[in-house]
Amino acid sequence: MSSIADITLKSHLQSLHGNKVPAAQNIGSKFADALKDSIGQVNQAQLGADRAAEQIAAGETKNLHEAMIKLEEADISLRLMVQVRNKAVEAYQEIMRMQV
């Protein structure tokens, strides 16, 4: 028998995606695309922070406050990406420890 939570979840998914629930492969590719986009955004933040630091060092700009904000944003986004990676690795390891 299905539980109420299963029925509610199924009806919610059907309302989001029409009458068909997306295949696991589509979900996997969407996750991969989202992950790829996030890594690209982190990379762009790192490059922007590097440019800001170079401009401060070269004396091309005097806006130290804005450069520090870019550096901190890049640092926080990198830390978040590392934590997401760590959680993904932990989940993979947990799955690999499961007995079939």
PDB file of N, CA and C in Angstrom:
ATOM      1  N   MET A   1       0.826  -1.187   0.000  1.00  0.00           N
ATOM      2  CA  MET A   1       0.000   0.000   0.000  1.00  0.00           C
ATOM      3  C   MET A   1       0.865   1.243   0.000  1.00  0.00           C
ATOM      4  N   SER A   2       0.378   2.269  -0.638  1.00  0.00           N
ATOM      5  CA  SER A   2       1.104   3.528  -0.680  1.00  0.00           C
ATOM      6  C   SER A   2       0.757   4.368   0.538  1.00  0.00           C
ATOM      7  N   SER A   3       1.750   5.057   1.019  1.00  0.00           N
ATOM      8  CA  SER A   3       1.484   5.954   2.140  1.00  0.00           C
ATOM      9  C   SER A   3       0.944   7.274   1.606  1.00  0.00           C
ATOM     10  N   ILE A   4       0.413   8.074   2.485  1.00  0.00           N
ATOM     11  CA  ILE A   4      -0.133   9.373   2.098  1.00  0.00           C
ATOM     12  C   ILE A   4       0.970  10.269   1.557  1.00  0.00           C
ATOM     13  N   ALA A   5       2.157  10.185   2.151  1.00  0.00           N
ATOM     14  CA  ALA A   5       3.277  11.002   1.685  1.00  0.00           C
ATOM     15  C   ALA A   5       3.655  10.639   0.255  1.00  0.00           C
ATOM     16  N   ASP A   6       3.630   9.336  -0.083  1.00  0.00           N
ATOM     17  CA  ASP A   6       3.942   8.903  -1.447  1.00  0.00           C
ATOM     18  C   ASP A   6       2.926   9.444  -2.441  1.00  0.00           C
ATOM     19  N   ILE A   7       1.660   9.377  -2.070  1.00  0.00           N
ATOM     20  CA  ILE A   7       0.595   9.863  -2.948  1.00  0.00           C
ATOM     21  C   ILE A   7       0.712  11.368  -3.125  1.00  0.00           C
ATOM     22  N   THR A   8       0.971  12.083  -2.052  1.00  0.00           N
ATOM     23  CA  THR A   8       1.123  13.533  -2.118  1.00  0.00           C
ATOM     24  C   THR A   8       2.314  13.908  -2.980  1.00  0.00           C
ATOM     25  N   LEU A   9       3.426  13.218  -2.799  1.00  0.00           N
ATOM     26  CA  LEU A   9       4.624  13.494  -3.583  1.00  0.00           C
ATOM     27  C   LEU A   9       4.374  13.220  -5.058  1.00  0.00           C
ATOM     28  N   LYS A  10       3.710  12.101  -5.350  1.00  0.00           N
ATOM     29  CA  LYS A  10       3.435  11.752  -6.740  1.00  0.00           C
ATOM     30  C   LYS A  10       2.535  12.790  -7.391  1.00  0.00           C
ATOM     31  N   SER A  11       1.503  13.223  -6.694  1.00  0.00           N
ATOM     32  CA  SER A  11       0.600  14.218  -7.271  1.00  0.00           C
ATOM     33  C   SER A  11       1.306  15.554  -7.448  1.00  0.00           C
ATOM     34  N   HIS A  12       2.202  15.891  -6.526  1.00  0.00           N
ATOM     35  CA  HIS A  12       2.967  17.132  -6.653  1.00  0.00           C
ATOM     36  C   HIS A  12       3.894  17.068  -7.866  1.00  0.00           C
ATOM     37  N   LEU A  13       4.576  15.938  -8.046  1.00  0.00           N
ATOM     38  CA  LEU A  13       5.468  15.776  -9.196  1.00  0.00           C
ATOM     39  C   LEU A  13       4.688  15.799 -10.502  1.00  0.00           C
ATOM     40  N   GLN A  14       3.507  15.183 -10.500  1.00  0.00           N
ATOM     41  CA  GLN A  14       2.694  15.185 -11.711  1.00  0.00           C
ATOM     42  C   GLN A  14       2.222  16.588 -12.047  1.00  0.00           C
ATOM     43  N   SER A  15       1.899  17.381 -11.043  1.00  0.00           N
ATOM     44  CA  SER A  15       1.464  18.743 -11.321  1.00  0.00           C
ATOM     45  C   SER A  15       2.612  19.593 -11.851  1.00  0.00           C
ATOM     46  N   LEU A  16       3.828  19.298 -11.416  1.00  0.00           N
ATOM     47  CA  LEU A  16       4.987  20.040 -11.901  1.00  0.00           C
ATOM     48  C   LEU A  16       5.384  19.630 -13.313  1.00  0.00           C
ATOM     49  N   HIS A  17       5.266  18.368 -13.639  1.00  0.00           N
ATOM     50  CA  HIS A  17       5.768  17.842 -14.904  1.00  0.00           C
ATOM     51  C   HIS A  17       4.672  17.276 -15.795  1.00  0.00           C
ATOM     52  N   GLY A  18       3.470  17.695 -15.625  1.00  0.00           N
ATOM     53  CA  GLY A  18       2.390  17.124 -16.406  1.00  0.00           C
ATOM     54  C   GLY A  18       2.023  15.762 -15.848  1.00  0.00           C
ATOM     55  N   ASN A  19       1.607  14.866 -16.697  1.00  0.00           N
ATOM     56  CA  ASN A  19       1.208  13.538 -16.237  1.00  0.00           C
ATOM     57  C   ASN A  19       2.357  12.554 -16.162  1.00  0.00           C
ATOM     58  N   LYS A  20       3.498  12.901 -16.679  1.00  0.00           N
ATOM     59  CA  LYS A  20       4.613  11.960 -16.628  1.00  0.00           C
ATOM     60  C   LYS A  20       5.702  12.486 -15.706  1.00  0.00           C
ATOM     61  N   VAL A  21       6.269  11.610 -14.948  1.00  0.00           N
ATOM     62  CA  VAL A  21       7.389  11.933 -14.070  1.00  0.00           C
ATOM     63  C   VAL A  21       8.653  11.771 -14.903  1.00  0.00           C
ATOM     64  N   PRO A  22       9.592  12.741 -14.849  1.00  0.00           N
ATOM     65  CA  PRO A  22      10.779  12.654 -15.694  1.00  0.00           C
ATOM     66  C   PRO A  22      11.613  11.414 -15.378  1.00  0.00           C
ATOM     67  N   ALA A  23      12.264  10.900 -16.394  1.00  0.00           N
ATOM     68  CA  ALA A  23      13.110   9.714 -16.230  1.00  0.00           C
ATOM     69  C   ALA A  23      14.331  10.065 -15.398  1.00  0.00           C
ATOM     70  N   ALA A  24      14.903   9.048 -14.775  1.00  0.00           N
ATOM     71  CA  ALA A  24      16.085   9.263 -13.931  1.00  0.00           C
ATOM     72  C   ALA A  24      17.239   9.823 -14.736  1.00  0.00           C
ATOM     73  N   GLN A  25      17.347   9.444 -15.992  1.00  0.00           N
ATOM     74  CA  GLN A  25      18.433   9.941 -16.829  1.00  0.00           C
ATOM     75  C   GLN A  25      18.302  11.447 -17.030  1.00  0.00           C
ATOM     76  N   ASN A  26      17.082  11.932 -17.241  1.00  0.00           N
ATOM     77  CA  ASN A  26      16.873  13.367 -17.398  1.00  0.00           C
ATOM     78  C   ASN A  26      17.224  14.112 -16.125  1.00  0.00           C
ATOM     79  N   ILE A  27      16.871  13.546 -14.988  1.00  0.00           N
ATOM     80  CA  ILE A  27      17.189  14.181 -13.716  1.00  0.00           C
ATOM     81  C   ILE A  27      18.695  14.230 -13.529  1.00  0.00           C
ATOM     82  N   GLY A  28      19.368  13.136 -13.878  1.00  0.00           N
ATOM     83  CA  GLY A  28      20.819  13.089 -13.761  1.00  0.00           C
ATOM     84  C   GLY A  28      21.493  14.113 -14.646  1.00  0.00           C
ATOM     85  N   SER A  29      20.995  14.277 -15.865  1.00  0.00           N
ATOM     86  CA  SER A  29      21.613  15.249 -16.763  1.00  0.00           C
ATOM     87  C   SER A  29      21.326  16.674 -16.298  1.00  0.00           C
ATOM     88  N   LYS A  30      20.150  16.904 -15.733  1.00  0.00           N
ATOM     89  CA  LYS A  30      19.848  18.230 -15.200  1.00  0.00           C
ATOM     90  C   LYS A  30      20.752  18.544 -14.014  1.00  0.00           C
ATOM     91  N   PHE A  31      20.982  17.537 -13.167  1.00  0.00           N
ATOM     92  CA  PHE A  31      21.872  17.737 -12.032  1.00  0.00           C
ATOM     93  C   PHE A  31      23.287  18.023 -12.514  1.00  0.00           C
ATOM     94  N   ALA A  32      23.732  17.274 -13.513  1.00  0.00           N
ATOM     95  CA  ALA A  32      25.077  17.485 -14.058  1.00  0.00           C
ATOM     96  C   ALA A  32      25.201  18.880 -14.660  1.00  0.00           C
ATOM     97  N   ASP A  33      24.156  19.325 -15.364  1.00  0.00           N
ATOM     98  CA  ASP A  33      24.183  20.673 -15.940  1.00  0.00           C
ATOM     99  C   ASP A  33      24.209  21.737 -14.851  1.00  0.00           C
ATOM    100  N   ALA A  34      23.418  21.541 -13.802  1.00  0.00           N
ATOM    101  CA  ALA A  34      23.401  22.502 -12.697  1.00  0.00           C
ATOM    102  C   ALA A  34      24.757  22.551 -12.004  1.00  0.00           C
ATOM    103  N   LEU A  35      25.363  21.388 -11.824  1.00  0.00           N
ATOM    104  CA  LEU A  35      26.680  21.322 -11.197  1.00  0.00           C
ATOM    105  C   LEU A  35      27.727  22.006 -12.066  1.00  0.00           C
ATOM    106  N   LYS A  36      27.651  21.759 -13.354  1.00  0.00           N
ATOM    107  CA  LYS A  36      28.592  22.372 -14.298  1.00  0.00           C
ATOM    108  C   LYS A  36      28.440  23.897 -14.292  1.00  0.00           C
ATOM    109  N   ASP A  37      27.199  24.379 -14.292  1.00  0.00           N
ATOM    110  CA  ASP A  37      26.954  25.818 -14.243  1.00  0.00           C
ATOM    111  C   ASP A  37      27.482  26.425 -12.948  1.00  0.00           C
ATOM    112  N   SER A  38      27.285  25.732 -11.845  1.00  0.00           N
ATOM    113  CA  SER A  38      27.766  26.231 -10.554  1.00  0.00           C
ATOM    114  C   SER A  38      29.284  26.310 -10.522  1.00  0.00           C
ATOM    115  N   ILE A  39      29.944  25.300 -11.072  1.00  0.00           N
ATOM    116  CA  ILE A  39      31.405  25.321 -11.119  1.00  0.00           C
ATOM    117  C   ILE A  39      31.881  26.478 -11.991  1.00  0.00           C
ATOM    118  N   GLY A  40      31.183  26.724 -13.088  1.00  0.00           N
ATOM    119  CA  GLY A  40      31.522  27.858 -13.947  1.00  0.00           C
ATOM    120  C   GLY A  40      31.359  29.188 -13.228  1.00  0.00           C
ATOM    121  N   GLN A  41      30.303  29.312 -12.435  1.00  0.00           N
ATOM    122  CA  GLN A  41      30.082  30.546 -11.683  1.00  0.00           C
ATOM    123  C   GLN A  41      31.162  30.751 -10.630  1.00  0.00           C
ATOM    124  N   VAL A  42      31.563  29.675  -9.964  1.00  0.00           N
ATOM    125  CA  VAL A  42      32.634  29.774  -8.968  1.00  0.00           C
ATOM    126  C   VAL A  42      33.933  30.176  -9.654  1.00  0.00           C
ATOM    127  N   ASN A  43      34.191  29.598 -10.816  1.00  0.00           N
ATOM    128  CA  ASN A  43      35.394  29.950 -11.563  1.00  0.00           C
ATOM    129  C   ASN A  43      35.383  31.427 -11.953  1.00  0.00           C
ATOM    130  N   GLN A  44      34.245  31.919 -12.413  1.00  0.00           N
ATOM    131  CA  GLN A  44      34.145  33.334 -12.782  1.00  0.00           C
ATOM    132  C   GLN A  44      34.354  34.237 -11.569  1.00  0.00           C
ATOM    133  N   ALA A  45      33.836  33.835 -10.420  1.00  0.00           N
ATOM    134  CA  ALA A  45      34.039  34.615  -9.196  1.00  0.00           C
ATOM    135  C   ALA A  45      35.515  34.647  -8.824  1.00  0.00           C
ATOM    136  N   GLN A  46      36.202  33.509  -8.980  1.00  0.00           N
ATOM    137  CA  GLN A  46      37.636  33.455  -8.681  1.00  0.00           C
ATOM    138  C   GLN A  46      38.421  34.349  -9.643  1.00  0.00           C
ATOM    139  N   LEU A  47      38.072  34.305 -10.923  1.00  0.00           N
ATOM    140  CA  LEU A  47      38.761  35.141 -11.908  1.00  0.00           C
ATOM    141  C   LEU A  47      38.522  36.627 -11.634  1.00  0.00           C
ATOM    142  N   GLY A  48      37.292  36.977 -11.262  1.00  0.00           N
ATOM    143  CA  GLY A  48      36.987  38.368 -10.922  1.00  0.00           C
ATOM    144  C   GLY A  48      37.755  38.833  -9.698  1.00  0.00           C
ATOM    145  N   ALA A  49      37.876  37.967  -8.712  1.00  0.00           N
ATOM    146  CA  ALA A  49      38.636  38.306  -7.505  1.00  0.00           C
ATOM    147  C   ALA A  49      40.114  38.475  -7.836  1.00  0.00           C
ATOM    148  N   ASP A  50      40.629  37.614  -8.708  1.00  0.00           N
ATOM    149  CA  ASP A  50      42.031  37.740  -9.125  1.00  0.00           C
ATOM    150  C   ASP A  50      42.278  39.064  -9.840  1.00  0.00           C
ATOM    151  N   ARG A  51      41.358  39.428 -10.741  1.00  0.00           N
ATOM    152  CA  ARG A  51      41.495  40.710 -11.455  1.00  0.00           C
ATOM    153  C   ARG A  51      41.456  41.881 -10.484  1.00  0.00           C
ATOM    154  N   ALA A  52      40.547  41.819  -9.520  1.00  0.00           N
ATOM    155  CA  ALA A  52      40.436  42.905  -8.540  1.00  0.00           C
ATOM    156  C   ALA A  52      41.714  43.018  -7.717  1.00  0.00           C
ATOM    157  N   ALA A  53      42.280  41.887  -7.311  1.00  0.00           N
ATOM    158  CA  ALA A  53      43.525  41.911  -6.532  1.00  0.00           C
ATOM    159  C   ALA A  53      44.681  42.451  -7.369  1.00  0.00           C
ATOM    160  N   GLU A  54      44.736  42.069  -8.642  1.00  0.00           N
ATOM    161  CA  GLU A  54      45.788  42.576  -9.526  1.00  0.00           C
ATOM    162  C   GLU A  54      45.661  44.080  -9.727  1.00  0.00           C
ATOM    163  N   GLN A  55      44.433  44.569  -9.863  1.00  0.00           N
ATOM    164  CA  GLN A  55      44.218  46.005 -10.042  1.00  0.00           C
ATOM    165  C   GLN A  55      44.631  46.782  -8.804  1.00  0.00           C
ATOM    166  N   ILE A  56      44.349  46.249  -7.631  1.00  0.00           N
ATOM    167  CA  ILE A  56      44.765  46.907  -6.387  1.00  0.00           C
ATOM    168  C   ILE A  56      46.284  46.919  -6.299  1.00  0.00           C
ATOM    169  N   ALA A  57      46.907  45.787  -6.607  1.00  0.00           N
ATOM    170  CA  ALA A  57      48.369  45.690  -6.519  1.00  0.00           C
ATOM    171  C   ALA A  57      49.050  46.607  -7.523  1.00  0.00           C
ATOM    172  N   ALA A  58      48.455  46.770  -8.705  1.00  0.00           N
ATOM    173  CA  ALA A  58      49.048  47.619  -9.740  1.00  0.00           C
ATOM    174  C   ALA A  58      48.702  49.088  -9.543  1.00  0.00           C
ATOM    175  N   GLY A  59      47.808  49.383  -8.621  1.00  0.00           N
ATOM    176  CA  GLY A  59      47.414  50.764  -8.368  1.00  0.00           C
ATOM    177  C   GLY A  59      46.451  51.306  -9.410  1.00  0.00           C
ATOM    178  N   GLU A  60      45.804  50.429 -10.164  1.00  0.00           N
ATOM    179  CA  GLU A  60      44.875  50.851 -11.207  1.00  0.00           C
ATOM    180  C   GLU A  60      43.526  51.294 -10.637  1.00  0.00           C
ATOM    181  N   THR A  61      43.209  50.845  -9.453  1.00  0.00           N
ATOM    182  CA  THR A  61      41.952  51.231  -8.817  1.00  0.00           C
ATOM    183  C   THR A  61      42.215  51.514  -7.345  1.00  0.00           C
ATOM    184  N   LYS A  62      41.407  52.350  -6.793  1.00  0.00           N
ATOM    185  CA  LYS A  62      41.585  52.684  -5.384  1.00  0.00           C
ATOM    186  C   LYS A  62      40.415  52.183  -4.538  1.00  0.00           C
ATOM    187  N   ASN A  63      39.543  51.413  -5.151  1.00  0.00           N
ATOM    188  CA  ASN A  63      38.365  50.915  -4.451  1.00  0.00           C
ATOM    189  C   ASN A  63      38.695  49.585  -3.770  1.00  0.00           C
ATOM    190  N   LEU A  64      39.378  49.672  -2.658  1.00  0.00           N
ATOM    191  CA  LEU A  64      39.787  48.488  -1.910  1.00  0.00           C
ATOM    192  C   LEU A  64      38.580  47.731  -1.359  1.00  0.00           C
ATOM    193  N   HIS A  65      37.562  48.479  -0.961  1.00  0.00           N
ATOM    194  CA  HIS A  65      36.365  47.869  -0.385  1.00  0.00           C
ATOM    195  C   HIS A  65      35.713  46.896  -1.371  1.00  0.00           C
ATOM    196  N   GLU A  66      35.533  47.332  -2.606  1.00  0.00           N
ATOM    197  CA  GLU A  66      34.899  46.489  -3.616  1.00  0.00           C
ATOM    198  C   GLU A  66      35.763  45.270  -3.946  1.00  0.00           C
ATOM    199  N   ALA A  67      37.069  45.456  -3.974  1.00  0.00           N
ATOM    200  CA  ALA A  67      37.978  44.335  -4.239  1.00  0.00           C
ATOM    201  C   ALA A  67      37.899  43.302  -3.118  1.00  0.00           C
ATOM    202  N   MET A  68      37.831  43.751  -1.888  1.00  0.00           N
ATOM    203  CA  MET A  68      37.729  42.823  -0.760  1.00  0.00           C
ATOM    204  C   MET A  68      36.404  42.062  -0.785  1.00  0.00           C
ATOM    205  N   ILE A  69      35.348  42.742  -1.192  1.00  0.00           N
ATOM    206  CA  ILE A  69      34.052  42.070  -1.304  1.00  0.00           C
ATOM    207  C   ILE A  69      34.132  40.967  -2.352  1.00  0.00           C
ATOM    208  N   LYS A  70      34.753  41.253  -3.503  1.00  0.00           N
ATOM    209  CA  LYS A  70      34.899  40.234  -4.546  1.00  0.00           C
ATOM    210  C   LYS A  70      35.742  39.062  -4.053  1.00  0.00           C
ATOM    211  N   LEU A  71      36.801  39.359  -3.323  1.00  0.00           N
ATOM    212  CA  LEU A  71      37.651  38.292  -2.787  1.00  0.00           C
ATOM    213  C   LEU A  71      36.882  37.413  -1.802  1.00  0.00           C
ATOM    214  N   GLU A  72      36.105  38.026  -0.934  1.00  0.00           N
ATOM    215  CA  GLU A  72      35.329  37.257   0.045  1.00  0.00           C
ATOM    216  C   GLU A  72      34.223  36.445  -0.622  1.00  0.00           C
ATOM    217  N   GLU A  73      33.560  37.035  -1.629  1.00  0.00           N
ATOM    218  CA  GLU A  73      32.530  36.291  -2.350  1.00  0.00           C
ATOM    219  C   GLU A  73      33.129  35.065  -3.030  1.00  0.00           C
ATOM    220  N   ALA A  74      34.299  35.246  -3.628  1.00  0.00           N
ATOM    221  CA  ALA A  74      34.968  34.118  -4.287  1.00  0.00           C
ATOM    222  C   ALA A  74      35.361  33.058  -3.263  1.00  0.00           C
ATOM    223  N   ASP A  75      35.842  33.483  -2.113  1.00  0.00           N
ATOM    224  CA  ASP A  75      36.240  32.544  -1.067  1.00  0.00           C
ATOM    225  C   ASP A  75      35.042  31.748  -0.552  1.00  0.00           C
ATOM    226  N   ILE A  76      33.943  32.438  -0.300  1.00  0.00           N
ATOM    227  CA  ILE A  76      32.742  31.770   0.212  1.00  0.00           C
ATOM    228  C   ILE A  76      32.175  30.806  -0.828  1.00  0.00           C
ATOM    229  N   SER A  77      32.152  31.221  -2.096  1.00  0.00           N
ATOM    230  CA  SER A  77      31.615  30.329  -3.128  1.00  0.00           C
ATOM    231  C   SER A  77      32.502  29.104  -3.311  1.00  0.00           C
ATOM    232  N   LEU A  78      33.818  29.262  -3.185  1.00  0.00           N
ATOM    233  CA  LEU A  78      34.719  28.114  -3.281  1.00  0.00           C
ATOM    234  C   LEU A  78      34.519  27.165  -2.100  1.00  0.00           C
ATOM    235  N   ARG A  79      34.370  27.726  -0.911  1.00  0.00           N
ATOM    236  CA  ARG A  79      34.128  26.886   0.270  1.00  0.00           C
ATOM    237  C   ARG A  79      32.826  26.104   0.136  1.00  0.00           C
ATOM    238  N   LEU A  80      31.794  26.765  -0.380  1.00  0.00           N
ATOM    239  CA  LEU A  80      30.511  26.093  -0.588  1.00  0.00           C
ATOM    240  C   LEU A  80      30.661  24.961  -1.596  1.00  0.00           C
ATOM    241  N   MET A  81      31.376  25.219  -2.688  1.00  0.00           N
ATOM    242  CA  MET A  81      31.573  24.185  -3.695  1.00  0.00           C
ATOM    243  C   MET A  81      32.327  22.984  -3.115  1.00  0.00           C
ATOM    244  N   VAL A  82      33.317  23.242  -2.281  1.00  0.00           N
ATOM    245  CA  VAL A  82      34.073  22.155  -1.654  1.00  0.00           C
ATOM    246  C   VAL A  82      33.165  21.348  -0.729  1.00  0.00           C
ATOM    247  N   GLN A  83      32.292  22.014   0.009  1.00  0.00           N
ATOM    248  CA  GLN A  83      31.375  21.298   0.900  1.00  0.00           C
ATOM    249  C   GLN A  83      30.374  20.454   0.114  1.00  0.00           C
ATOM    250  N   VAL A  84      29.887  20.984  -1.002  1.00  0.00           N
ATOM    251  CA  VAL A  84      28.976  20.210  -1.847  1.00  0.00           C
ATOM    252  C   VAL A  84      29.696  18.985  -2.393  1.00  0.00           C
ATOM    253  N   ARG A  85      30.944  19.169  -2.816  1.00  0.00           N
ATOM    254  CA  ARG A  85      31.733  18.032  -3.295  1.00  0.00           C
ATOM    255  C   ARG A  85      31.915  16.996  -2.195  1.00  0.00           C
ATOM    256  N   ASN A  86      32.233  17.459  -0.985  1.00  0.00           N
ATOM    257  CA  ASN A  86      32.424  16.533   0.133  1.00  0.00           C
ATOM    258  C   ASN A  86      31.152  15.738   0.421  1.00  0.00           C
ATOM    259  N   LYS A  87      30.003  16.406   0.387  1.00  0.00           N
ATOM    260  CA  LYS A  87      28.734  15.711   0.629  1.00  0.00           C
ATOM    261  C   LYS A  87      28.439  14.710  -0.480  1.00  0.00           C
ATOM    262  N   ALA A  88      28.752  15.065  -1.717  1.00  0.00           N
ATOM    263  CA  ALA A  88      28.535  14.136  -2.828  1.00  0.00           C
ATOM    264  C   ALA A  88      29.433  12.913  -2.693  1.00  0.00           C
ATOM    265  N   VAL A  89      30.673  13.117  -2.296  1.00  0.00           N
ATOM    266  CA  VAL A  89      31.594  11.992  -2.099  1.00  0.00           C
ATOM    267  C   VAL A  89      31.119  11.120  -0.944  1.00  0.00           C
ATOM    268  N   GLU A  90      30.660  11.738   0.139  1.00  0.00           N
ATOM    269  CA  GLU A  90      30.135  10.968   1.269  1.00  0.00           C
ATOM    270  C   GLU A  90      28.922  10.137   0.852  1.00  0.00           C
ATOM    271  N   ALA A  91      28.037  10.735   0.061  1.00  0.00           N
ATOM    272  CA  ALA A  91      26.856  10.004  -0.402  1.00  0.00           C
ATOM    273  C   ALA A  91      27.264   8.840  -1.294  1.00  0.00           C
ATOM    274  N   TYR A  92      28.221   9.065  -2.172  1.00  0.00           N
ATOM    275  CA  TYR A  92      28.715   7.991  -3.040  1.00  0.00           C
ATOM    276  C   TYR A  92      29.318   6.863  -2.210  1.00  0.00           C
ATOM    277  N   GLN A  93      30.124   7.226  -1.223  1.00  0.00           N
ATOM    278  CA  GLN A  93      30.749   6.209  -0.375  1.00  0.00           C
ATOM    279  C   GLN A  93      29.704   5.426   0.411  1.00  0.00           C
ATOM    280  N   GLU A  94      28.673   6.109   0.863  1.00  0.00           N
ATOM    281  CA  GLU A  94      27.591   5.437   1.589  1.00  0.00           C
ATOM    282  C   GLU A  94      26.868   4.449   0.681  1.00  0.00           C
ATOM    283  N   ILE A  95      26.628   4.844  -0.545  1.00  0.00           N
ATOM    284  CA  ILE A  95      25.978   3.943  -1.499  1.00  0.00           C
ATOM    285  C   ILE A  95      26.866   2.737  -1.777  1.00  0.00           C
ATOM    286  N   MET A  96      28.159   2.961  -1.903  1.00  0.00           N
ATOM    287  CA  MET A  96      29.081   1.861  -2.185  1.00  0.00           C
ATOM    288  C   MET A  96      29.183   0.887  -1.008  1.00  0.00           C
ATOM    289  N   ARG A  97      28.921   1.358   0.207  1.00  0.00           N
ATOM    290  CA  ARG A  97      28.959   0.484   1.385  1.00  0.00           C
ATOM    291  C   ARG A  97      27.697  -0.359   1.536  1.00  0.00           C
ATOM    292  N   MET A  98      26.649   0.005   0.808  1.00  0.00           N
ATOM    293  CA  MET A  98      25.397  -0.753   0.908  1.00  0.00           C
ATOM    294  C   MET A  98      25.584  -2.155   0.358  1.00  0.00           C
ATOM    295  N   GLN A  99      24.958  -3.095   1.033  1.00  0.00           N
ATOM    296  CA  GLN A  99      25.004  -4.475   0.561  1.00  0.00           C
ATOM    297  C   GLN A  99      23.776  -4.759  -0.285  1.00  0.00           C
ATOM    298  N   VAL A 100      24.002  -5.460  -1.350  1.00  0.00           N
ATOM    299  CA  VAL A 100      22.903  -5.763  -2.272  1.00  0.00           C
ATOM    300  C   VAL A 100      22.244  -7.059  -1.903  1.00  0.00           C
TER     301      VAL A 100
END
